[in-house]
Protein backbone atom coordinates (compact mmCIF):
# COMPACT_ATOMS: atom_id res chain seq x y z
CA MET A 1 93.32 102.73 111.41
CA GLN A 2 94.68 106.02 110.12
CA ALA A 3 98.06 106.54 108.46
CA MET A 4 100.08 109.52 107.28
CA THR A 5 103.36 109.56 105.34
CA TYR A 6 105.28 112.72 104.51
CA LEU A 7 108.90 112.79 103.30
CA TYR A 8 110.83 111.21 106.19
CA THR A 9 107.94 110.66 108.62
CA THR A 10 105.30 107.94 108.90
CA SER A 11 102.54 107.90 111.52
CA ILE A 12 99.94 105.21 112.17
CA ALA A 13 97.07 105.48 114.66
CA GLY A 14 94.54 102.81 115.55
CA PHE A 15 92.49 101.02 118.15
CA GLY A 16 93.47 97.92 120.11
CA ALA A 17 91.82 95.77 122.74
CA ALA A 18 93.72 97.22 125.72
CA SER A 19 91.74 99.13 128.31
CA VAL A 20 93.51 102.48 127.98
CA PRO A 21 92.14 105.99 127.41
CA THR A 22 90.72 106.56 123.92
CA LEU A 23 89.72 109.50 121.77
CA ARG A 24 87.55 109.94 118.70
CA ALA A 25 89.01 110.97 115.34
CA GLY A 26 86.12 111.41 112.95
CA GLN A 27 84.23 108.12 113.02
CA GLN A 28 87.14 106.13 114.50
CA THR A 29 88.26 105.44 118.06
CA ILE A 30 92.00 105.73 118.63
CA ASP A 31 94.03 104.47 121.60
CA LEU A 32 97.52 104.12 120.11
CA GLN A 33 99.73 106.12 117.77
CA VAL A 34 103.16 105.07 116.48
CA ALA A 35 105.39 107.39 114.45
CA MET A 36 108.78 106.93 112.81
CA HIS A 37 110.97 109.80 111.68
CA GLU A 38 114.19 109.36 109.72
CA ASN A 39 116.89 111.91 110.49
CA SER A 40 119.39 111.85 107.62
CA PHE A 41 121.75 114.31 109.33
CA GLU A 42 122.16 112.13 112.43
CA GLN A 43 121.72 108.94 110.37
CA ASN A 44 119.09 107.45 112.67
CA THR A 45 115.39 106.70 112.86
CA ARG A 46 113.35 107.78 115.88
CA VAL A 47 110.29 105.73 116.89
CA LEU A 48 107.67 107.36 119.12
CA VAL A 49 104.70 105.64 120.74
CA GLY A 50 101.81 107.45 122.41
CA SER A 51 98.58 106.39 124.05
CA PRO A 52 96.07 107.50 123.06
CA ILE A 53 98.17 109.83 120.83
CA ILE A 54 101.64 111.38 120.59
CA THR A 55 101.45 114.86 122.10
CA LEU A 56 104.82 116.26 121.04
CA GLU A 57 106.31 117.26 117.72
CA TYR A 58 107.96 114.51 115.72
């Protein structure tokens, strides 16, 4: 599992047992990424899920 936190954004990527497309990130296999971004101006939190990864800016 890989994780990144920066100010108002947290992203976690990992590997599950589902038979979906995967990719390699260093020595790890990834098939799912989940990111949360807090928007203080709109007072909401956006949750994005991508498989194998999120391919847009969050």
